[in-house]
Structures are given as C-alpha cells and as structure tokens.
PDB file of N, CA and C in Angstrom:
ATOM      1  N   UNK A   1       0.829  -1.197   0.000  1.00  0.00           N
ATOM      2  CA  UNK A   1       0.000   0.000   0.000  1.00  0.00           C
ATOM      3  C   UNK A   1       0.867   1.252   0.000  1.00  0.00           C
ATOM      4  N   UNK A   2       1.977   1.189   0.740  1.00  0.00           N
ATOM      5  CA  UNK A   2       2.862   2.343   0.804  1.00  0.00           C
ATOM      6  C   UNK A   2       3.491   2.635  -0.552  1.00  0.00           C
ATOM      7  N   UNK A   3       3.792   1.574  -1.312  1.00  0.00           N
ATOM      8  CA  UNK A   3       4.388   1.760  -2.634  1.00  0.00           C
ATOM      9  C   UNK A   3       3.417   2.450  -3.585  1.00  0.00           C
ATOM     10  N   UNK A   4       2.139   2.096  -3.481  1.00  0.00           N
ATOM     11  CA  UNK A   4       1.134   2.723  -4.340  1.00  0.00           C
ATOM     12  C   UNK A   4       1.003   4.212  -4.019  1.00  0.00           C
ATOM     13  N   UNK A   5       1.002   4.541  -2.742  1.00  0.00           N
ATOM     14  CA  UNK A   5       0.915   5.944  -2.353  1.00  0.00           C
ATOM     15  C   UNK A   5       2.151   6.729  -2.803  1.00  0.00           C
ATOM     16  N   UNK A   6       3.327   6.099  -2.752  1.00  0.00           N
ATOM     17  CA  UNK A   6       4.535   6.760  -3.242  1.00  0.00           C
ATOM     18  C   UNK A   6       4.449   7.044  -4.741  1.00  0.00           C
ATOM     19  N   UNK A   7       3.928   6.086  -5.485  1.00  0.00           N
ATOM     20  CA  UNK A   7       3.774   6.289  -6.935  1.00  0.00           C
ATOM     21  C   UNK A   7       2.788   7.417  -7.208  1.00  0.00           C
ATOM     22  N   UNK A   8       1.692   7.457  -6.462  1.00  0.00           N
ATOM     23  CA  UNK A   8       0.703   8.529  -6.649  1.00  0.00           C
ATOM     24  C   UNK A   8       1.319   9.886  -6.324  1.00  0.00           C
ATOM     25  N   UNK A   9       2.093   9.967  -5.264  1.00  0.00           N
ATOM     26  CA  UNK A   9       2.751  11.238  -4.915  1.00  0.00           C
ATOM     27  C   UNK A   9       3.718  11.679  -6.021  1.00  0.00           C
ATOM     28  N   UNK A  10       4.483  10.731  -6.560  1.00  0.00           N
ATOM     29  CA  UNK A  10       5.421  11.072  -7.641  1.00  0.00           C
ATOM     30  C   UNK A  10       4.682  11.543  -8.881  1.00  0.00           C
ATOM     31  N   UNK A  11       3.579  10.881  -9.203  1.00  0.00           N
ATOM     32  CA  UNK A  11       2.806  11.288 -10.373  1.00  0.00           C
ATOM     33  C   UNK A  11       2.187  12.668 -10.176  1.00  0.00           C
ATOM     34  N   UNK A  12       1.775  12.981  -8.972  1.00  0.00           N
ATOM     35  CA  UNK A  12       1.202  14.305  -8.698  1.00  0.00           C
ATOM     36  C   UNK A  12       2.248  15.401  -8.860  1.00  0.00           C
ATOM     37  N   UNK A  13       3.505  15.083  -8.582  1.00  0.00           N
ATOM     38  CA  UNK A  13       4.546  16.101  -8.756  1.00  0.00           C
ATOM     39  C   UNK A  13       4.959  16.239 -10.219  1.00  0.00           C
ATOM     40  N   UNK A  14       4.847  15.155 -10.977  1.00  0.00           N
ATOM     41  CA  UNK A  14       5.257  15.199 -12.392  1.00  0.00           C
ATOM     42  C   UNK A  14       4.216  15.920 -13.245  1.00  0.00           C
ATOM     43  N   UNK A  15       2.940  15.596 -13.047  1.00  0.00           N
ATOM     44  CA  UNK A  15       1.881  16.151 -13.887  1.00  0.00           C
ATOM     45  C   UNK A  15       1.295  17.413 -13.268  1.00  0.00           C
ATOM     46  N   UNK A  16       0.949  18.354 -14.153  1.00  0.00           N
ATOM     47  CA  UNK A  16       0.298  19.571 -13.658  1.00  0.00           C
ATOM     48  C   UNK A  16      -1.194  19.317 -13.426  1.00  0.00           C
ATOM     49  N   UNK A  17      -1.890  20.321 -12.939  1.00  0.00           N
ATOM     50  CA  UNK A  17      -3.296  20.173 -12.551  1.00  0.00           C
ATOM     51  C   UNK A  17      -4.176  19.781 -13.739  1.00  0.00           C
ATOM     52  N   UNK A  18      -3.927  20.354 -14.901  1.00  0.00           N
ATOM     53  CA  UNK A  18      -4.732  20.063 -16.088  1.00  0.00           C
ATOM     54  C   UNK A  18      -4.576  18.602 -16.508  1.00  0.00           C
ATOM     55  N   UNK A  19      -3.368  18.089 -16.462  1.00  0.00           N
ATOM     56  CA  UNK A  19      -3.129  16.693 -16.819  1.00  0.00           C
ATOM     57  C   UNK A  19      -3.735  15.742 -15.794  1.00  0.00           C
ATOM     58  N   UNK A  20      -3.731  16.134 -14.530  1.00  0.00           N
ATOM     59  CA  UNK A  20      -4.344  15.306 -13.497  1.00  0.00           C
ATOM     60  C   UNK A  20      -5.853  15.209 -13.692  1.00  0.00           C
ATOM     61  N   UNK A  21      -6.480  16.307 -14.091  1.00  0.00           N
ATOM     62  CA  UNK A  21      -7.917  16.304 -14.341  1.00  0.00           C
ATOM     63  C   UNK A  21      -8.230  15.421 -15.548  1.00  0.00           C
ATOM     64  N   UNK A  22      -7.415  15.512 -16.598  1.00  0.00           N
ATOM     65  CA  UNK A  22      -7.609  14.655 -17.769  1.00  0.00           C
ATOM     66  C   UNK A  22      -7.461  13.178 -17.394  1.00  0.00           C
ATOM     67  N   UNK A  23      -6.480  12.864 -16.547  1.00  0.00           N
ATOM     68  CA  UNK A  23      -6.275  11.504 -16.110  1.00  0.00           C
ATOM     69  C   UNK A  23      -7.475  11.000 -15.308  1.00  0.00           C
ATOM     70  N   UNK A  24      -8.017  11.825 -14.428  1.00  0.00           N
ATOM     71  CA  UNK A  24      -9.184  11.442 -13.640  1.00  0.00           C
ATOM     72  C   UNK A  24     -10.395  11.228 -14.540  1.00  0.00           C
ATOM     73  N   UNK A  25     -10.587  12.094 -15.521  1.00  0.00           N
ATOM     74  CA  UNK A  25     -11.683  11.953 -16.470  1.00  0.00           C
ATOM     75  C   UNK A  25     -11.541  10.659 -17.264  1.00  0.00           C
ATOM     76  N   UNK A  26     -10.337  10.367 -17.727  1.00  0.00           N
ATOM     77  CA  UNK A  26     -10.079   9.144 -18.476  1.00  0.00           C
ATOM     78  C   UNK A  26     -10.328   7.914 -17.606  1.00  0.00           C
ATOM     79  N   UNK A  27      -9.917   7.968 -16.355  1.00  0.00           N
ATOM     80  CA  UNK A  27     -10.145   6.861 -15.440  1.00  0.00           C
ATOM     81  C   UNK A  27     -11.645   6.617 -15.237  1.00  0.00           C
ATOM     82  N   UNK A  28     -12.417   7.684 -15.086  1.00  0.00           N
ATOM     83  CA  UNK A  28     -13.867   7.549 -14.921  1.00  0.00           C
ATOM     84  C   UNK A  28     -14.511   6.936 -16.160  1.00  0.00           C
ATOM     85  N   UNK A  29     -14.069   7.348 -17.353  1.00  0.00           N
ATOM     86  CA  UNK A  29     -14.602   6.776 -18.577  1.00  0.00           C
ATOM     87  C   UNK A  29     -14.269   5.283 -18.688  1.00  0.00           C
ATOM     88  N   UNK A  30     -13.090   4.894 -18.253  1.00  0.00           N
ATOM     89  CA  UNK A  30     -12.702   3.483 -18.291  1.00  0.00           C
ATOM     90  C   UNK A  30     -13.579   2.672 -17.340  1.00  0.00           C
ATOM     91  N   UNK A  31     -13.858   3.195 -16.164  1.00  0.00           N
ATOM     92  CA  UNK A  31     -14.719   2.487 -15.205  1.00  0.00           C
ATOM     93  C   UNK A  31     -16.137   2.365 -15.754  1.00  0.00           C
ATOM     94  N   UNK A  32     -16.669   3.434 -16.345  1.00  0.00           N
ATOM     95  CA  UNK A  32     -18.012   3.397 -16.923  1.00  0.00           C
ATOM     96  C   UNK A  32     -18.061   2.401 -18.082  1.00  0.00           C
ATOM     97  N   UNK A  33     -17.044   2.399 -18.917  1.00  0.00           N
ATOM     98  CA  UNK A  33     -16.988   1.471 -20.034  1.00  0.00           C
ATOM     99  C   UNK A  33     -16.944   0.025 -19.550  1.00  0.00           C
ATOM    100  N   UNK A  34     -16.188  -0.227 -18.517  1.00  0.00           N
ATOM    101  CA  UNK A  34     -16.134  -1.578 -17.951  1.00  0.00           C
ATOM    102  C   UNK A  34     -17.479  -2.017 -17.397  1.00  0.00           C
ATOM    103  N   UNK A  35     -18.183  -1.094 -16.727  1.00  0.00           N
ATOM    104  CA  UNK A  35     -19.510  -1.402 -16.202  1.00  0.00           C
ATOM    105  C   UNK A  35     -20.492  -1.694 -17.336  1.00  0.00           C
ATOM    106  N   UNK A  36     -20.447  -0.899 -18.401  1.00  0.00           N
ATOM    107  CA  UNK A  36     -21.340  -1.137 -19.533  1.00  0.00           C
ATOM    108  C   UNK A  36     -21.021  -2.462 -20.212  1.00  0.00           C
ATOM    109  N   UNK A  37     -19.756  -2.814 -20.278  1.00  0.00           N
ATOM    110  CA  UNK A  37     -19.365  -4.117 -20.828  1.00  0.00           C
ATOM    111  C   UNK A  37     -19.943  -5.246 -19.981  1.00  0.00           C
ATOM    112  N   UNK A  38     -19.866  -5.104 -18.678  1.00  0.00           N
ATOM    113  CA  UNK A  38     -20.409  -6.109 -17.767  1.00  0.00           C
ATOM    114  C   UNK A  38     -21.915  -6.263 -17.942  1.00  0.00           C
ATOM    115  N   UNK A  39     -22.629  -5.163 -18.016  1.00  0.00           N
ATOM    116  CA  UNK A  39     -24.084  -5.219 -18.185  1.00  0.00           C
ATOM    117  C   UNK A  39     -24.449  -5.809 -19.538  1.00  0.00           C
ATOM    118  N   UNK A  40     -23.738  -5.416 -20.584  1.00  0.00           N
ATOM    119  CA  UNK A  40     -24.022  -5.936 -21.925  1.00  0.00           C
ATOM    120  C   UNK A  40     -23.806  -7.435 -22.024  1.00  0.00           C
ATOM    121  N   UNK A  41     -22.743  -7.904 -21.431  1.00  0.00           N
ATOM    122  CA  UNK A  41     -22.474  -9.339 -21.460  1.00  0.00           C
ATOM    123  C   UNK A  41     -23.478 -10.094 -20.599  1.00  0.00           C
ATOM    124  N   UNK A  42     -23.896  -9.499 -19.485  1.00  0.00           N
ATOM    125  CA  UNK A  42     -24.854 -10.184 -18.618  1.00  0.00           C
ATOM    126  C   UNK A  42     -26.241 -10.272 -19.248  1.00  0.00           C
ATOM    127  N   UNK A  43     -26.538  -9.465 -20.253  1.00  0.00           N
ATOM    128  CA  UNK A  43     -27.823  -9.550 -20.937  1.00  0.00           C
ATOM    129  C   UNK A  43     -27.880 -10.693 -21.944  1.00  0.00           C
ATOM    130  N   UNK A  44     -26.729 -11.228 -22.306  1.00  0.00           N
ATOM    131  CA  UNK A  44     -26.699 -12.270 -23.332  1.00  0.00           C
ATOM    132  C   UNK A  44     -27.295 -13.575 -22.816  1.00  0.00           C
ATOM    133  N   UNK A  45     -26.962 -13.980 -21.591  1.00  0.00           N
ATOM    134  CA  UNK A  45     -27.443 -15.257 -21.061  1.00  0.00           C
ATOM    135  C   UNK A  45     -28.969 -15.312 -20.933  1.00  0.00           C
ATOM    136  N   UNK A  46     -29.643 -14.308 -20.368  1.00  0.00           N
ATOM    137  CA  UNK A  46     -31.114 -14.378 -20.345  1.00  0.00           C
ATOM    138  C   UNK A  46     -31.723 -14.394 -21.749  1.00  0.00           C
ATOM    139  N   UNK A  47     -31.108 -13.700 -22.672  1.00  0.00           N
ATOM    140  CA  UNK A  47     -31.597 -13.691 -24.048  1.00  0.00           C
ATOM    141  C   UNK A  47     -31.527 -15.088 -24.636  1.00  0.00           C
ATOM    142  N   UNK A  48     -30.403 -15.761 -24.488  1.00  0.00           N
ATOM    143  CA  UNK A  48     -30.250 -17.126 -25.005  1.00  0.00           C
ATOM    144  C   UNK A  48     -31.220 -18.067 -24.293  1.00  0.00           C
ATOM    145  N   UNK A  49     -31.404 -17.869 -22.998  1.00  0.00           N
ATOM    146  CA  UNK A  49     -32.313 -18.711 -22.234  1.00  0.00           C
ATOM    147  C   UNK A  49     -33.746 -18.600 -22.754  1.00  0.00           C
ATOM    148  N   UNK A  50     -34.199 -17.404 -23.051  1.00  0.00           N
ATOM    149  CA  UNK A  50     -35.562 -17.210 -23.556  1.00  0.00           C
ATOM    150  C   UNK A  50     -35.692 -17.731 -24.986  1.00  0.00           C
ATOM    151  N   UNK A  51     -34.678 -17.581 -25.792  1.00  0.00           N
ATOM    152  CA  UNK A  51     -34.737 -18.102 -27.157  1.00  0.00           C
ATOM    153  C   UNK A  51     -34.826 -19.628 -27.139  1.00  0.00           C
ATOM    154  N   UNK A  52     -34.084 -20.261 -26.230  1.00  0.00           N
ATOM    155  CA  UNK A  52     -34.091 -21.722 -26.151  1.00  0.00           C
ATOM    156  C   UNK A  52     -35.380 -22.255 -25.504  1.00  0.00           C
ATOM    157  N   UNK A  53     -35.939 -21.517 -24.532  1.00  0.00           N
ATOM    158  CA  UNK A  53     -37.116 -21.977 -23.804  1.00  0.00           C
ATOM    159  C   UNK A  53     -38.055 -20.793 -23.553  1.00  0.00           C
ATOM    160  N   UNK A  54     -38.918 -20.452 -24.509  1.00  0.00           N
ATOM    161  CA  UNK A  54     -39.781 -19.279 -24.357  1.00  0.00           C
ATOM    162  C   UNK A  54     -40.790 -19.380 -23.210  1.00  0.00           C
ATOM    163  N   UNK A  55     -41.112 -20.588 -22.761  1.00  0.00           N
ATOM    164  CA  UNK A  55     -42.080 -20.739 -21.677  1.00  0.00           C
ATOM    165  C   UNK A  55     -41.543 -20.246 -20.340  1.00  0.00           C
ATOM    166  N   UNK A  56     -40.253 -20.019 -20.250  1.00  0.00           N
ATOM    167  CA  UNK A  56     -39.657 -19.580 -18.980  1.00  0.00           C
ATOM    168  C   UNK A  56     -40.183 -18.207 -18.566  1.00  0.00           C
ATOM    169  N   UNK A  57     -40.635 -17.424 -19.521  1.00  0.00           N
ATOM    170  CA  UNK A  57     -41.163 -16.093 -19.200  1.00  0.00           C
ATOM    171  C   UNK A  57     -42.419 -16.209 -18.344  1.00  0.00           C
ATOM    172  N   UNK A  58     -43.223 -17.213 -18.591  1.00  0.00           N
ATOM    173  CA  UNK A  58     -44.467 -17.383 -17.838  1.00  0.00           C
ATOM    174  C   UNK A  58     -44.220 -17.883 -16.412  1.00  0.00           C
ATOM    175  N   UNK A  59     -43.129 -18.611 -16.170  1.00  0.00           N
ATOM    176  CA  UNK A  59     -42.906 -19.238 -14.864  1.00  0.00           C
ATOM    177  C   UNK A  59     -41.910 -18.497 -13.990  1.00  0.00           C
ATOM    178  N   UNK A  60     -41.078 -17.641 -14.546  1.00  0.00           N
ATOM    179  CA  UNK A  60     -40.030 -16.973 -13.787  1.00  0.00           C
ATOM    180  C   UNK A  60     -40.576 -15.719 -13.104  1.00  0.00           C
ATOM    181  N   UNK A  61     -40.288 -15.562 -11.803  1.00  0.00           N
ATOM    182  CA  UNK A  61     -40.766 -14.398 -11.047  1.00  0.00           C
ATOM    183  C   UNK A  61     -40.126 -13.097 -11.539  1.00  0.00           C
ATOM    184  N   UNK A  62     -38.863 -13.162 -11.945  1.00  0.00           N
ATOM    185  CA  UNK A  62     -38.168 -11.967 -12.419  1.00  0.00           C
ATOM    186  C   UNK A  62     -38.830 -11.412 -13.672  1.00  0.00           C
ATOM    187  N   UNK A  63     -39.125 -12.279 -14.616  1.00  0.00           N
ATOM    188  CA  UNK A  63     -39.758 -11.826 -15.852  1.00  0.00           C
ATOM    189  C   UNK A  63     -41.169 -11.308 -15.596  1.00  0.00           C
ATOM    190  N   UNK A  64     -41.915 -11.949 -14.705  1.00  0.00           N
ATOM    191  CA  UNK A  64     -43.262 -11.490 -14.380  1.00  0.00           C
ATOM    192  C   UNK A  64     -43.233 -10.146 -13.670  1.00  0.00           C
ATOM    193  N   UNK A  65     -42.229  -9.921 -12.837  1.00  0.00           N
ATOM    194  CA  UNK A  65     -42.105  -8.654 -12.120  1.00  0.00           C
ATOM    195  C   UNK A  65     -41.943  -7.483 -13.077  1.00  0.00           C
ATOM    196  N   UNK A  66     -41.176  -7.681 -14.151  1.00  0.00           N
ATOM    197  CA  UNK A  66     -40.948  -6.608 -15.108  1.00  0.00           C
ATOM    198  C   UNK A  66     -41.974  -6.585 -16.236  1.00  0.00           C
ATOM    199  N   UNK A  67     -42.957  -7.447 -16.204  1.00  0.00           N
ATOM    200  CA  UNK A  67     -44.048  -7.394 -17.167  1.00  0.00           C
ATOM    201  C   UNK A  67     -43.737  -7.986 -18.524  1.00  0.00           C
ATOM    202  N   UNK A  68     -42.846  -8.951 -18.589  1.00  0.00           N
ATOM    203  CA  UNK A  68     -42.517  -9.583 -19.869  1.00  0.00           C
ATOM    204  C   UNK A  68     -43.390 -10.801 -20.153  1.00  0.00           C
ATOM    205  N   UNK A  69     -44.379 -11.063 -19.303  1.00  0.00           N
ATOM    206  CA  UNK A  69     -45.159 -12.291 -19.436  1.00  0.00           C
ATOM    207  C   UNK A  69     -46.170 -12.216 -20.587  1.00  0.00           C
ATOM    208  N   UNK A  70     -46.294 -11.086 -21.244  1.00  0.00           N
ATOM    209  CA  UNK A  70     -47.261 -10.945 -22.326  1.00  0.00           C
ATOM    210  C   UNK A  70     -46.829 -11.739 -23.545  1.00  0.00           C
ATOM    211  N   UNK A  71     -45.597 -11.521 -23.976  1.00  0.00           N
ATOM    212  CA  UNK A  71     -45.110 -12.185 -25.184  1.00  0.00           C
ATOM    213  C   UNK A  71     -43.591 -12.269 -25.113  1.00  0.00           C
ATOM    214  N   UNK A  72     -43.055 -13.403 -25.508  1.00  0.00           N
ATOM    215  CA  UNK A  72     -41.595 -13.545 -25.447  1.00  0.00           C
ATOM    216  C   UNK A  72     -40.922 -12.702 -26.527  1.00  0.00           C
ATOM    217  N   UNK A  73     -41.630 -12.386 -27.596  1.00  0.00           N
ATOM    218  CA  UNK A  73     -41.041 -11.541 -28.636  1.00  0.00           C
ATOM    219  C   UNK A  73     -40.715 -10.157 -28.099  1.00  0.00           C
ATOM    220  N   UNK A  74     -41.572  -9.650 -27.205  1.00  0.00           N
ATOM    221  CA  UNK A  74     -41.326  -8.333 -26.614  1.00  0.00           C
ATOM    222  C   UNK A  74     -40.039  -8.352 -25.812  1.00  0.00           C
ATOM    223  N   UNK A  75     -39.856  -9.408 -25.019  1.00  0.00           N
ATOM    224  CA  UNK A  75     -38.630  -9.521 -24.232  1.00  0.00           C
ATOM    225  C   UNK A  75     -37.403  -9.634 -25.131  1.00  0.00           C
ATOM    226  N   UNK A  76     -37.492 -10.462 -26.157  1.00  0.00           N
ATOM    227  CA  UNK A  76     -36.355 -10.647 -27.063  1.00  0.00           C
ATOM    228  C   UNK A  76     -36.002  -9.331 -27.750  1.00  0.00           C
ATOM    229  N   UNK A  77     -37.007  -8.597 -28.208  1.00  0.00           N
ATOM    230  CA  UNK A  77     -36.757  -7.308 -28.859  1.00  0.00           C
ATOM    231  C   UNK A  77     -36.112  -6.315 -27.894  1.00  0.00           C
ATOM    232  N   UNK A  78     -36.655  -6.244 -26.666  1.00  0.00           N
ATOM    233  CA  UNK A  78     -36.084  -5.313 -25.688  1.00  0.00           C
ATOM    234  C   UNK A  78     -34.655  -5.694 -25.333  1.00  0.00           C
ATOM    235  N   UNK A  79     -34.389  -6.973 -25.230  1.00  0.00           N
ATOM    236  CA  UNK A  79     -33.044  -7.434 -24.892  1.00  0.00           C
ATOM    237  C   UNK A  79     -32.057  -7.106 -26.022  1.00  0.00           C
ATOM    238  N   UNK A  80     -32.478  -7.316 -27.248  1.00  0.00           N
ATOM    239  CA  UNK A  80     -31.609  -7.004 -28.385  1.00  0.00           C
ATOM    240  C   UNK A  80     -31.357  -5.496 -28.460  1.00  0.00           C
ATOM    241  N   UNK A  81     -32.404  -4.693 -28.292  1.00  0.00           N
ATOM    242  CA  UNK A  81     -32.225  -3.239 -28.322  1.00  0.00           C
ATOM    243  C   UNK A  81     -31.320  -2.752 -27.192  1.00  0.00           C
ATOM    244  N   UNK A  82     -31.520  -3.300 -26.001  1.00  0.00           N
ATOM    245  CA  UNK A  82     -30.687  -2.898 -24.866  1.00  0.00           C
ATOM    246  C   UNK A  82     -29.231  -3.288 -25.089  1.00  0.00           C
ATOM    247  N   UNK A  83     -29.000  -4.474 -25.608  1.00  0.00           N
ATOM    248  CA  UNK A  83     -27.624  -4.907 -25.883  1.00  0.00           C
ATOM    249  C   UNK A  83     -26.968  -4.024 -26.937  1.00  0.00           C
ATOM    250  N   UNK A  84     -27.684  -3.751 -28.014  1.00  0.00           N
ATOM    251  CA  UNK A  84     -27.133  -2.889 -29.071  1.00  0.00           C
ATOM    252  C   UNK A  84     -26.847  -1.490 -28.538  1.00  0.00           C
ATOM    253  N   UNK A  85     -27.753  -0.966 -27.737  1.00  0.00           N
ATOM    254  CA  UNK A  85     -27.565   0.367 -27.171  1.00  0.00           C
ATOM    255  C   UNK A  85     -26.350   0.400 -26.237  1.00  0.00           C
ATOM    256  N   UNK A  86     -26.238  -0.599 -25.373  1.00  0.00           N
ATOM    257  CA  UNK A  86     -25.110  -0.626 -24.444  1.00  0.00           C
ATOM    258  C   UNK A  86     -23.775  -0.772 -25.167  1.00  0.00           C
ATOM    259  N   UNK A  87     -23.715  -1.646 -26.146  1.00  0.00           N
ATOM    260  CA  UNK A  87     -22.455  -1.811 -26.870  1.00  0.00           C
ATOM    261  C   UNK A  87     -22.128  -0.581 -27.706  1.00  0.00           C
ATOM    262  N   UNK A  88     -23.146   0.111 -28.225  1.00  0.00           N
ATOM    263  CA  UNK A  88     -22.894   1.353 -28.961  1.00  0.00           C
ATOM    264  C   UNK A  88     -22.353   2.443 -28.046  1.00  0.00           C
ATOM    265  N   UNK A  89     -22.983   2.596 -26.883  1.00  0.00           N
ATOM    266  CA  UNK A  89     -22.512   3.604 -25.932  1.00  0.00           C
ATOM    267  C   UNK A  89     -21.101   3.275 -25.464  1.00  0.00           C
ATOM    268  N   UNK A  90     -20.854   2.002 -25.225  1.00  0.00           N
ATOM    269  CA  UNK A  90     -19.514   1.606 -24.791  1.00  0.00           C
ATOM    270  C   UNK A  90     -18.464   1.908 -25.859  1.00  0.00           C
ATOM    271  N   UNK A  91     -18.787   1.670 -27.110  1.00  0.00           N
ATOM    272  CA  UNK A  91     -17.828   1.944 -28.175  1.00  0.00           C
ATOM    273  C   UNK A  91     -17.613   3.437 -28.377  1.00  0.00           C
ATOM    274  N   UNK A  92     -18.633   4.232 -28.086  1.00  0.00           N
ATOM    275  CA  UNK A  92     -18.469   5.684 -28.178  1.00  0.00           C
ATOM    276  C   UNK A  92     -17.507   6.178 -27.106  1.00  0.00           C
ATOM    277  N   UNK A  93     -17.628   5.594 -25.884  1.00  0.00           N
ATOM    278  CA  UNK A  93     -16.747   5.987 -24.801  1.00  0.00           C
ATOM    279  C   UNK A  93     -15.360   5.470 -25.063  1.00  0.00           C
TER     280      UNK A  93
END
C-alpha cells in the first residue's frame, strides 16, 4: 500500500493540474466502459435462455415482475435493443 501511495505522490509532482484532471476523467470513462461491458455481457445469457425456452417467461418471477409475461417476442426485442444500445454507448466511450 505504501508503494502505491509513493507512486501517486510522484505522479502528482510530475503532472500539472490540467493533466491530473484529464487523467481522472479518463479513469472515470474506463470504469463506466467496464460497467457497460459487464451489463451488456450479462444480458446475453437471459436472451439465449428465452430463445431456447420461451415458456420460462411465464414461470419466472423476475420476468413477471418486469411485465414480460405478455409475449416472449417483446422480451427478445427489448433485450436485443438494450444490448445494441449498451455496446454502442460503450464503443463511443
């Protein structure tokens, strides 16, 4: 832990305030991009599950809670749109 703090202190002396702000902004974008990657990948498994077994929408409490019990096509469309949107936003970042 002490070594990490020493490196941070050295970097603070090397870079000026403007560069430190850019570094913090870049770090935040990397964290957001990683989170969006995680969410996008986690949407793939439920999508495959519903495609393989559409009746799961009627029996699963999670799907009923969000109102997907009407039609599995609605869930599949929403999942595809959400995945495309997340991967697009991630690629923009």
